[in-house]
Amino acid sequence: TNYADSVKGRFTISRDNAMNTVYLQMNSLKPEDTAVY
């Protein structure tokens, strides 16, 4: 995995290939994280 500096240590990306799904766990959210993802 790799992360932008702005989210490093707060966001975690993972994937489940059997389910064809990718996840983004977002912790310690800040107002500047407001966006369409």
PDB file of all heavy atoms in Angstrom:
ATOM      1  N   THR A   1       0.819  -1.204   0.000  1.00  0.00           N
ATOM      2  CA  THR A   1       0.000   0.000   0.000  1.00  0.00           C
ATOM      3  C   THR A   1       0.855   1.257   0.000  1.00  0.00           C
ATOM      4  O   THR A   1       2.040   1.229   0.359  1.00  0.00           O
ATOM      5  CB  THR A   1      -0.915   0.029   1.242  1.00  0.00           C
ATOM      6  OG1 THR A   1      -0.099  -0.010   2.424  1.00  0.00           O
ATOM      7  CG2 THR A   1      -1.862  -1.164   1.262  1.00  0.00           C
ATOM      8  N   ASN A   2       0.231   2.356  -0.391  1.00  0.00           N
ATOM      9  CA  ASN A   2       0.902   3.648  -0.355  1.00  0.00           C
ATOM     10  C   ASN A   2      -0.162   4.716  -0.107  1.00  0.00           C
ATOM     11  O   ASN A   2      -1.316   4.554  -0.546  1.00  0.00           O
ATOM     12  CB  ASN A   2       1.648   3.924  -1.658  1.00  0.00           C
ATOM     13  CG  ASN A   2       2.688   5.002  -1.497  1.00  0.00           C
ATOM     14  OD1 ASN A   2       3.168   5.272  -0.401  1.00  0.00           O
ATOM     15  ND2 ASN A   2       3.039   5.644  -2.599  1.00  0.00           N
ATOM     16  N   TYR A   3       0.247   5.795   0.583  1.00  0.00           N
ATOM     17  CA  TYR A   3      -0.706   6.820   0.993  1.00  0.00           C
ATOM     18  C   TYR A   3      -0.171   8.204   0.722  1.00  0.00           C
ATOM     19  O   TYR A   3       1.041   8.449   0.791  1.00  0.00           O
ATOM     20  CB  TYR A   3      -1.002   6.704   2.501  1.00  0.00           C
ATOM     21  CG  TYR A   3      -1.585   5.374   2.893  1.00  0.00           C
ATOM     22  CD1 TYR A   3      -0.758   4.321   3.277  1.00  0.00           C
ATOM     23  CD2 TYR A   3      -2.953   5.164   2.870  1.00  0.00           C
ATOM     24  CE1 TYR A   3      -1.285   3.084   3.618  1.00  0.00           C
ATOM     25  CE2 TYR A   3      -3.495   3.937   3.214  1.00  0.00           C
ATOM     26  CZ  TYR A   3      -2.654   2.903   3.582  1.00  0.00           C
ATOM     27  OH  TYR A   3      -3.196   1.687   3.929  1.00  0.00           O
ATOM     28  N   ALA A   4      -1.093   9.128   0.441  1.00  0.00           N
ATOM     29  CA  ALA A   4      -0.723  10.533   0.379  1.00  0.00           C
ATOM     30  C   ALA A   4      -0.334  10.991   1.781  1.00  0.00           C
ATOM     31  O   ALA A   4      -0.860  10.489   2.786  1.00  0.00           O
ATOM     32  CB  ALA A   4      -1.896  11.358  -0.141  1.00  0.00           C
ATOM     33  N   ASP A   5       0.561  11.949   1.853  1.00  0.00           N
ATOM     34  CA  ASP A   5       1.019  12.435   3.149  1.00  0.00           C
ATOM     35  C   ASP A   5      -0.139  12.956   3.998  1.00  0.00           C
ATOM     36  O   ASP A   5      -0.120  12.835   5.227  1.00  0.00           O
ATOM     37  CB  ASP A   5       2.053  13.543   2.960  1.00  0.00           C
ATOM     38  CG  ASP A   5       3.392  13.010   2.470  1.00  0.00           C
ATOM     39  OD1 ASP A   5       3.621  11.787   2.575  1.00  0.00           O
ATOM     40  OD2 ASP A   5       4.194  13.815   1.966  1.00  0.00           O
ATOM     41  N   SER A   6      -1.136  13.506   3.358  1.00  0.00           N
ATOM     42  CA  SER A   6      -2.246  14.121   4.087  1.00  0.00           C
ATOM     43  C   SER A   6      -3.103  13.109   4.847  1.00  0.00           C
ATOM     44  O   SER A   6      -3.838  13.491   5.763  1.00  0.00           O
ATOM     45  CB  SER A   6      -3.129  14.916   3.128  1.00  0.00           C
ATOM     46  OG  SER A   6      -3.634  14.068   2.103  1.00  0.00           O
ATOM     47  N   VAL A   7      -3.021  11.821   4.477  1.00  0.00           N
ATOM     48  CA  VAL A   7      -3.860  10.805   5.133  1.00  0.00           C
ATOM     49  C   VAL A   7      -3.041   9.719   5.805  1.00  0.00           C
ATOM     50  O   VAL A   7      -3.596   8.846   6.472  1.00  0.00           O
ATOM     51  CB  VAL A   7      -4.849  10.174   4.135  1.00  0.00           C
ATOM     52  CG1 VAL A   7      -5.662  11.245   3.420  1.00  0.00           C
ATOM     53  CG2 VAL A   7      -4.139   9.279   3.133  1.00  0.00           C
ATOM     54  N   LYS A   8      -1.735   9.773   5.645  1.00  0.00           N
ATOM     55  CA  LYS A   8      -0.874   8.725   6.189  1.00  0.00           C
ATOM     56  C   LYS A   8      -1.043   8.641   7.702  1.00  0.00           C
ATOM     57  O   LYS A   8      -1.053   9.654   8.400  1.00  0.00           O
ATOM     58  CB  LYS A   8       0.583   9.034   5.828  1.00  0.00           C
ATOM     59  CG  LYS A   8       1.522   7.858   5.928  1.00  0.00           C
ATOM     60  CD  LYS A   8       2.880   8.224   5.321  1.00  0.00           C
ATOM     61  CE  LYS A   8       2.800   8.450   3.837  1.00  0.00           C
ATOM     62  NZ  LYS A   8       4.134   8.715   3.223  1.00  0.00           N
ATOM     63  N   GLY A   9      -1.207   7.417   8.176  1.00  0.00           N
ATOM     64  CA  GLY A   9      -1.396   7.193   9.604  1.00  0.00           C
ATOM     65  C   GLY A   9      -2.838   7.273  10.056  1.00  0.00           C
ATOM     66  O   GLY A   9      -3.168   6.903  11.190  1.00  0.00           O
ATOM     67  N   ARG A  10      -3.728   7.739   9.187  1.00  0.00           N
ATOM     68  CA  ARG A  10      -5.143   7.862   9.532  1.00  0.00           C
ATOM     69  C   ARG A  10      -6.034   6.970   8.680  1.00  0.00           C
ATOM     70  O   ARG A  10      -7.067   6.479   9.152  1.00  0.00           O
ATOM     71  CB  ARG A  10      -5.609   9.312   9.368  1.00  0.00           C
ATOM     72  CG  ARG A  10      -4.848  10.302  10.239  1.00  0.00           C
ATOM     73  CD  ARG A  10      -5.472  11.692  10.169  1.00  0.00           C
ATOM     74  NE  ARG A  10      -5.437  12.268   8.833  1.00  0.00           N
ATOM     75  CZ  ARG A  10      -6.506  12.644   8.131  1.00  0.00           C
ATOM     76  NH1 ARG A  10      -7.719  12.500   8.649  1.00  0.00           N
ATOM     77  NH2 ARG A  10      -6.380  13.177   6.921  1.00  0.00           N
ATOM     78  N   PHE A  11      -5.654   6.777   7.417  1.00  0.00           N
ATOM     79  CA  PHE A  11      -6.448   5.975   6.487  1.00  0.00           C
ATOM     80  C   PHE A  11      -5.738   4.643   6.237  1.00  0.00           C
ATOM     81  O   PHE A  11      -4.503   4.577   6.207  1.00  0.00           O
ATOM     82  CB  PHE A  11      -6.609   6.683   5.150  1.00  0.00           C
ATOM     83  CG  PHE A  11      -7.505   7.896   5.172  1.00  0.00           C
ATOM     84  CD1 PHE A  11      -7.959   8.461   6.346  1.00  0.00           C
ATOM     85  CD2 PHE A  11      -7.884   8.493   3.970  1.00  0.00           C
ATOM     86  CE1 PHE A  11      -8.774   9.572   6.354  1.00  0.00           C
ATOM     87  CE2 PHE A  11      -8.703   9.608   3.956  1.00  0.00           C
ATOM     88  CZ  PHE A  11      -9.143  10.156   5.153  1.00  0.00           C
ATOM     89  N   THR A  12      -6.541   3.599   6.010  1.00  0.00           N
ATOM     90  CA  THR A  12      -6.001   2.291   5.672  1.00  0.00           C
ATOM     91  C   THR A  12      -6.789   1.710   4.507  1.00  0.00           C
ATOM     92  O   THR A  12      -8.012   1.578   4.585  1.00  0.00           O
ATOM     93  CB  THR A  12      -6.079   1.331   6.867  1.00  0.00           C
ATOM     94  OG1 THR A  12      -5.369   1.876   7.979  1.00  0.00           O
ATOM     95  CG2 THR A  12      -5.469  -0.023   6.501  1.00  0.00           C
ATOM     96  N   ILE A  13      -6.076   1.375   3.445  1.00  0.00           N
ATOM     97  CA  ILE A  13      -6.698   0.751   2.284  1.00  0.00           C
ATOM     98  C   ILE A  13      -6.487  -0.757   2.366  1.00  0.00           C
ATOM     99  O   ILE A  13      -5.427  -1.223   2.799  1.00  0.00           O
ATOM    100  CB  ILE A  13      -6.141   1.329   0.965  1.00  0.00           C
ATOM    101  CG1 ILE A  13      -6.929   0.819  -0.238  1.00  0.00           C
ATOM    102  CG2 ILE A  13      -4.652   1.056   0.820  1.00  0.00           C
ATOM    103  CD1 ILE A  13      -6.560   1.519  -1.552  1.00  0.00           C
ATOM    104  N   SER A  14      -7.506  -1.509   1.966  1.00  0.00           N
ATOM    105  CA  SER A  14      -7.393  -2.967   1.949  1.00  0.00           C
ATOM    106  C   SER A  14      -8.263  -3.504   0.814  1.00  0.00           C
ATOM    107  O   SER A  14      -9.058  -2.764   0.232  1.00  0.00           O
ATOM    108  CB  SER A  14      -7.839  -3.564   3.294  1.00  0.00           C
ATOM    109  OG  SER A  14      -9.187  -3.239   3.584  1.00  0.00           O
ATOM    110  N   ARG A  15      -8.096  -4.774   0.520  1.00  0.00           N
ATOM    111  CA  ARG A  15      -8.861  -5.354  -0.576  1.00  0.00           C
ATOM    112  C   ARG A  15      -9.235  -6.786  -0.247  1.00  0.00           C
ATOM    113  O   ARG A  15      -8.521  -7.469   0.486  1.00  0.00           O
ATOM    114  CB  ARG A  15      -8.082  -5.285  -1.886  1.00  0.00           C
ATOM    115  CG  ARG A  15      -6.828  -6.125  -1.928  1.00  0.00           C
ATOM    116  CD  ARG A  15      -5.963  -5.773  -3.142  1.00  0.00           C
ATOM    117  NE  ARG A  15      -6.661  -6.053  -4.397  1.00  0.00           N
ATOM    118  CZ  ARG A  15      -6.311  -5.527  -5.571  1.00  0.00           C
ATOM    119  NH1 ARG A  15      -5.276  -4.704  -5.638  1.00  0.00           N
ATOM    120  NH2 ARG A  15      -6.967  -5.844  -6.666  1.00  0.00           N
ATOM    121  N   ASP A  16     -10.349  -7.215  -0.819  1.00  0.00           N
ATOM    122  CA  ASP A  16     -10.804  -8.596  -0.734  1.00  0.00           C
ATOM    123  C   ASP A  16     -11.007  -9.070  -2.169  1.00  0.00           C
ATOM    124  O   ASP A  16     -12.034  -8.767  -2.792  1.00  0.00           O
ATOM    125  CB  ASP A  16     -12.106  -8.677   0.071  1.00  0.00           C
ATOM    126  CG  ASP A  16     -12.586 -10.106   0.272  1.00  0.00           C
ATOM    127  OD1 ASP A  16     -12.196 -10.990  -0.516  1.00  0.00           O
ATOM    128  OD2 ASP A  16     -13.368 -10.325   1.204  1.00  0.00           O
ATOM    129  N   ASN A  17     -10.024  -9.779  -2.695  1.00  0.00           N
ATOM    130  CA  ASN A  17     -10.091 -10.174  -4.106  1.00  0.00           C
ATOM    131  C   ASN A  17     -11.230 -11.165  -4.358  1.00  0.00           C
ATOM    132  O   ASN A  17     -11.791 -11.194  -5.453  1.00  0.00           O
ATOM    133  CB  ASN A  17      -8.764 -10.768  -4.542  1.00  0.00           C
ATOM    134  CG  ASN A  17      -7.676  -9.720  -4.669  1.00  0.00           C
ATOM    135  OD1 ASN A  17      -7.950  -8.534  -4.844  1.00  0.00           O
ATOM    136  ND2 ASN A  17      -6.424 -10.152  -4.554  1.00  0.00           N
ATOM    137  N   ALA A  18     -11.569 -11.964  -3.373  1.00  0.00           N
ATOM    138  CA  ALA A  18     -12.672 -12.915  -3.547  1.00  0.00           C
ATOM    139  C   ALA A  18     -14.010 -12.197  -3.706  1.00  0.00           C
ATOM    140  O   ALA A  18     -14.926 -12.712  -4.356  1.00  0.00           O
ATOM    141  CB  ALA A  18     -12.729 -13.868  -2.362  1.00  0.00           C
ATOM    142  N   MET A  19     -14.113 -11.009  -3.109  1.00  0.00           N
ATOM    143  CA  MET A  19     -15.346 -10.228  -3.170  1.00  0.00           C
ATOM    144  C   MET A  19     -15.261  -9.098  -4.187  1.00  0.00           C
ATOM    145  O   MET A  19     -16.216  -8.322  -4.321  1.00  0.00           O
ATOM    146  CB  MET A  19     -15.664  -9.647  -1.783  1.00  0.00           C
ATOM    147  CG  MET A  19     -15.931 -10.687  -0.725  1.00  0.00           C
ATOM    148  SD  MET A  19     -17.443 -11.621  -1.072  1.00  0.00           S
ATOM    149  CE  MET A  19     -18.677 -10.364  -0.812  1.00  0.00           C
ATOM    150  N   ASN A  20     -14.134  -8.995  -4.890  1.00  0.00           N
ATOM    151  CA  ASN A  20     -13.929  -7.894  -5.851  1.00  0.00           C
ATOM    152  C   ASN A  20     -14.208  -6.538  -5.207  1.00  0.00           C
ATOM    153  O   ASN A  20     -14.877  -5.679  -5.796  1.00  0.00           O
ATOM    154  CB  ASN A  20     -14.824  -8.073  -7.082  1.00  0.00           C
ATOM    155  CG  ASN A  20     -14.319  -9.153  -8.016  1.00  0.00           C
ATOM    156  OD1 ASN A  20     -13.318  -9.808  -7.736  1.00  0.00           O
ATOM    157  ND2 ASN A  20     -15.005  -9.347  -9.119  1.00  0.00           N
ATOM    158  N   THR A  21     -13.698  -6.351  -4.003  1.00  0.00           N
ATOM    159  CA  THR A  21     -14.003  -5.146  -3.241  1.00  0.00           C
ATOM    160  C   THR A  21     -12.723  -4.559  -2.652  1.00  0.00           C
ATOM    161  O   THR A  21     -11.837  -5.285  -2.198  1.00  0.00           O
ATOM    162  CB  THR A  21     -15.003  -5.465  -2.114  1.00  0.00           C
ATOM    163  OG1 THR A  21     -16.201  -6.013  -2.686  1.00  0.00           O
ATOM    164  CG2 THR A  21     -15.371  -4.207  -1.331  1.00  0.00           C
ATOM    165  N   VAL A  22     -12.673  -3.249  -2.652  1.00  0.00           N
ATOM    166  CA  VAL A  22     -11.589  -2.527  -1.991  1.00  0.00           C
ATOM    167  C   VAL A  22     -12.215  -1.606  -0.949  1.00  0.00           C
ATOM    168  O   VAL A  22     -13.310  -1.081  -1.158  1.00  0.00           O
ATOM    169  CB  VAL A  22     -10.722  -1.752  -3.007  1.00  0.00           C
ATOM    170  CG1 VAL A  22     -11.520  -0.700  -3.746  1.00  0.00           C
ATOM    171  CG2 VAL A  22      -9.512  -1.134  -2.350  1.00  0.00           C
ATOM    172  N   TYR A  23     -11.534  -1.455   0.172  1.00  0.00           N
ATOM    173  CA  TYR A  23     -12.047  -0.683   1.301  1.00  0.00           C
ATOM    174  C   TYR A  23     -11.111   0.469   1.637  1.00  0.00           C
ATOM    175  O   TYR A  23      -9.924   0.423   1.347  1.00  0.00           O
ATOM    176  CB  TYR A  23     -12.174  -1.586   2.536  1.00  0.00           C
ATOM    177  CG  TYR A  23     -13.030  -2.803   2.323  1.00  0.00           C
ATOM    178  CD1 TYR A  23     -12.451  -4.032   2.023  1.00  0.00           C
ATOM    179  CD2 TYR A  23     -14.416  -2.731   2.431  1.00  0.00           C
ATOM    180  CE1 TYR A  23     -13.227  -5.162   1.822  1.00  0.00           C
ATOM    181  CE2 TYR A  23     -15.200  -3.857   2.233  1.00  0.00           C
ATOM    182  CZ  TYR A  23     -14.593  -5.070   1.931  1.00  0.00           C
ATOM    183  OH  TYR A  23     -15.375  -6.182   1.731  1.00  0.00           O
ATOM    184  N   LEU A  24     -11.678   1.467   2.292  1.00  0.00           N
ATOM    185  CA  LEU A  24     -10.876   2.547   2.848  1.00  0.00           C
ATOM    186  C   LEU A  24     -11.387   2.832   4.254  1.00  0.00           C
ATOM    187  O   LEU A  24     -12.490   3.360   4.416  1.00  0.00           O
ATOM    188  CB  LEU A  24     -10.946   3.808   1.988  1.00  0.00           C
ATOM    189  CG  LEU A  24      -9.998   4.928   2.425  1.00  0.00           C
ATOM    190  CD1 LEU A  24      -8.533   4.517   2.187  1.00  0.00           C
ATOM    191  CD2 LEU A  24     -10.308   6.227   1.671  1.00  0.00           C
ATOM    192  N   GLN A  25     -10.599   2.451   5.242  1.00  0.00           N
ATOM    193  CA  GLN A  25     -10.914   2.770   6.627  1.00  0.00           C
ATOM    194  C   GLN A  25     -10.333   4.131   6.942  1.00  0.00           C
ATOM    195  O   GLN A  25      -9.122   4.338   6.797  1.00  0.00           O
ATOM    196  CB  GLN A  25     -10.330   1.717   7.573  1.00  0.00           C
ATOM    197  CG  GLN A  25     -10.555   2.011   9.045  1.00  0.00           C
ATOM    198  CD  GLN A  25     -12.022   1.927   9.436  1.00  0.00           C
ATOM    199  OE1 GLN A  25     -12.726   1.008   9.032  1.00  0.00           O
ATOM    200  NE2 GLN A  25     -12.481   2.886  10.241  1.00  0.00           N
ATOM    201  N   MET A  26     -11.183   5.052   7.346  1.00  0.00           N
ATOM    202  CA  MET A  26     -10.763   6.426   7.604  1.00  0.00           C
ATOM    203  C   MET A  26     -10.993   6.747   9.075  1.00  0.00           C
ATOM    204  O   MET A  26     -12.142   6.715   9.541  1.00  0.00           O
ATOM    205  CB  MET A  26     -11.555   7.394   6.718  1.00  0.00           C
ATOM    206  CG  MET A  26     -11.475   7.070   5.241  1.00  0.00           C
ATOM    207  SD  MET A  26     -12.244   8.322   4.199  1.00  0.00           S
ATOM    208  CE  MET A  26     -13.928   8.200   4.743  1.00  0.00           C
ATOM    209  N   ASN A  27      -9.933   7.027   9.779  1.00  0.00           N
ATOM    210  CA  ASN A  27      -9.990   7.373  11.194  1.00  0.00           C
ATOM    211  C   ASN A  27      -9.491   8.804  11.402  1.00  0.00           C
ATOM    212  O   ASN A  27      -8.840   9.380  10.525  1.00  0.00           O
ATOM    213  CB  ASN A  27      -9.138   6.402  12.017  1.00  0.00           C
ATOM    214  CG  ASN A  27      -9.605   4.968  11.906  1.00  0.00           C
ATOM    215  OD1 ASN A  27     -10.800   4.692  11.769  1.00  0.00           O
ATOM    216  ND2 ASN A  27      -8.668   4.036  11.975  1.00  0.00           N
ATOM    217  N   SER A  28      -9.796   9.340  12.573  1.00  0.00           N
ATOM    218  CA  SER A  28      -9.341  10.696  12.934  1.00  0.00           C
ATOM    219  C   SER A  28      -9.649  11.690  11.817  1.00  0.00           C
ATOM    220  O   SER A  28      -8.783  12.479  11.411  1.00  0.00           O
ATOM    221  CB  SER A  28      -7.833  10.684  13.242  1.00  0.00           C
ATOM    222  OG  SER A  28      -7.538   9.783  14.276  1.00  0.00           O
ATOM    223  N   LEU A  29     -10.863  11.634  11.347  1.00  0.00           N
ATOM    224  CA  LEU A  29     -11.250  12.469  10.205  1.00  0.00           C
ATOM    225  C   LEU A  29     -11.192  13.946  10.552  1.00  0.00           C
ATOM    226  O   LEU A  29     -11.489  14.358  11.687  1.00  0.00           O
ATOM    227  CB  LEU A  29     -12.639  12.076   9.721  1.00  0.00           C
ATOM    228  CG  LEU A  29     -12.662  10.790   8.883  1.00  0.00           C
ATOM    229  CD1 LEU A  29     -14.060  10.207   8.815  1.00  0.00           C
ATOM    230  CD2 LEU A  29     -12.126  11.072   7.486  1.00  0.00           C
ATOM    231  N   LYS A  30     -10.821  14.738   9.560  1.00  0.00           N
ATOM    232  CA  LYS A  30     -10.689  16.179   9.688  1.00  0.00           C
ATOM    233  C   LYS A  30     -11.629  16.872   8.700  1.00  0.00           C
ATOM    234  O   LYS A  30     -11.979  16.275   7.671  1.00  0.00           O
ATOM    235  CB  LYS A  30      -9.252  16.600   9.387  1.00  0.00           C
ATOM    236  CG  LYS A  30      -8.193  15.915  10.222  1.00  0.00           C
ATOM    237  CD  LYS A  30      -6.799  16.315   9.756  1.00  0.00           C
ATOM    238  CE  LYS A  30      -5.716  15.623  10.575  1.00  0.00           C
ATOM    239  NZ  LYS A  30      -4.353  16.021  10.128  1.00  0.00           N
ATOM    240  N   PRO A  31     -11.996  18.107   8.971  1.00  0.00           N
ATOM    241  CA  PRO A  31     -12.856  18.821   8.014  1.00  0.00           C
ATOM    242  C   PRO A  31     -12.264  18.860   6.602  1.00  0.00           C
ATOM    243  O   PRO A  31     -13.020  18.800   5.612  1.00  0.00           O
ATOM    244  CB  PRO A  31     -12.958  20.225   8.615  1.00  0.00           C
ATOM    245  CG  PRO A  31     -12.809  19.989  10.090  1.00  0.00           C
ATOM    246  CD  PRO A  31     -11.809  18.876  10.203  1.00  0.00           C
ATOM    247  N   GLU A  32     -10.948  18.907   6.491  1.00  0.00           N
ATOM    248  CA  GLU A  32     -10.329  18.946   5.168  1.00  0.00           C
ATOM    249  C   GLU A  32     -10.408  17.614   4.427  1.00  0.00           C
ATOM    250  O   GLU A  32     -10.005  17.530   3.264  1.00  0.00           O
ATOM    251  CB  GLU A  32      -8.863  19.410   5.268  1.00  0.00           C
ATOM    252  CG  GLU A  32      -8.024  18.659   6.278  1.00  0.00           C
ATOM    253  CD  GLU A  32      -7.937  19.383   7.623  1.00  0.00           C
ATOM    254  OE1 GLU A  32      -8.974  19.899   8.100  1.00  0.00           O
ATOM    255  OE2 GLU A  32      -6.817  19.414   8.173  1.00  0.00           O
ATOM    256  N   ASP A  33     -10.901  16.564   5.071  1.00  0.00           N
ATOM    257  CA  ASP A  33     -11.149  15.305   4.380  1.00  0.00           C
ATOM    258  C   ASP A  33     -12.487  15.311   3.649  1.00  0.00           C
ATOM    259  O   ASP A  33     -12.794  14.359   2.921  1.00  0.00           O
ATOM    260  CB  ASP A  33     -11.135  14.140   5.373  1.00  0.00           C
ATOM    261  CG  ASP A  33      -9.785  13.918   6.018  1.00  0.00           C
ATOM    262  OD1 ASP A  33      -8.761  13.996   5.302  1.00  0.00           O
ATOM    263  OD2 ASP A  33      -9.744  13.677   7.244  1.00  0.00           O
ATOM    264  N   THR A  34     -13.273  16.348   3.833  1.00  0.00           N
ATOM    265  CA  THR A  34     -14.560  16.452   3.157  1.00  0.00           C
ATOM    266  C   THR A  34     -14.362  16.462   1.645  1.00  0.00           C
ATOM    267  O   THR A  34     -13.614  17.281   1.104  1.00  0.00           O
ATOM    268  CB  THR A  34     -15.285  17.735   3.591  1.00  0.00           C
ATOM    269  OG1 THR A  34     -15.604  17.635   4.993  1.00  0.00           O
ATOM    270  CG2 THR A  34     -16.571  17.937   2.797  1.00  0.00           C
ATOM    271  N   ALA A  35     -15.027  15.537   0.969  1.00  0.00           N
ATOM    272  CA  ALA A  35     -14.869  15.379  -0.476  1.00  0.00           C
ATOM    273  C   ALA A  35     -15.789  14.265  -0.949  1.00  0.00           C
ATOM    274  O   ALA A  35     -16.370  13.538  -0.140  1.00  0.00           O
ATOM    275  CB  ALA A  35     -13.421  15.034  -0.830  1.00  0.00           C
ATOM    276  N   VAL A  36     -15.895  14.140  -2.256  1.00  0.00           N
ATOM    277  CA  VAL A  36     -16.488  12.943  -2.855  1.00  0.00           C
ATOM    278  C   VAL A  36     -15.348  11.961  -3.094  1.00  0.00           C
ATOM    279  O   VAL A  36     -14.329  12.319  -3.685  1.00  0.00           O
ATOM    280  CB  VAL A  36     -17.225  13.260  -4.168  1.00  0.00           C
ATOM    281  CG1 VAL A  36     -17.817  11.975  -4.758  1.00  0.00           C
ATOM    282  CG2 VAL A  36     -18.316  14.289  -3.933  1.00  0.00           C
ATOM    283  N   TYR A  37     -15.538  10.743  -2.610  1.00  0.00           N
ATOM    284  CA  TYR A  37     -14.507   9.720  -2.710  1.00  0.00           C
ATOM    285  C   TYR A  37     -14.877   8.707  -3.793  1.00  0.00           C
ATOM    286  O   TYR A  37     -16.036   8.249  -3.869  1.00  0.00           O
ATOM    287  CB  TYR A  37     -14.340   9.015  -1.369  1.00  0.00           C
ATOM    288  CG  TYR A  37     -13.580   9.831  -0.363  1.00  0.00           C
ATOM    289  CD1 TYR A  37     -14.151  10.969   0.218  1.00  0.00           C
ATOM    290  CD2 TYR A  37     -12.271   9.516  -0.003  1.00  0.00           C
ATOM    291  CE1 TYR A  37     -13.447  11.752   1.121  1.00  0.00           C
ATOM    292  CE2 TYR A  37     -11.564  10.289   0.907  1.00  0.00           C
ATOM    293  CZ  TYR A  37     -12.159  11.400   1.467  1.00  0.00           C
ATOM    294  OH  TYR A  37     -11.451  12.166   2.362  1.00  0.00           O
TER     295      TYR A  37
END
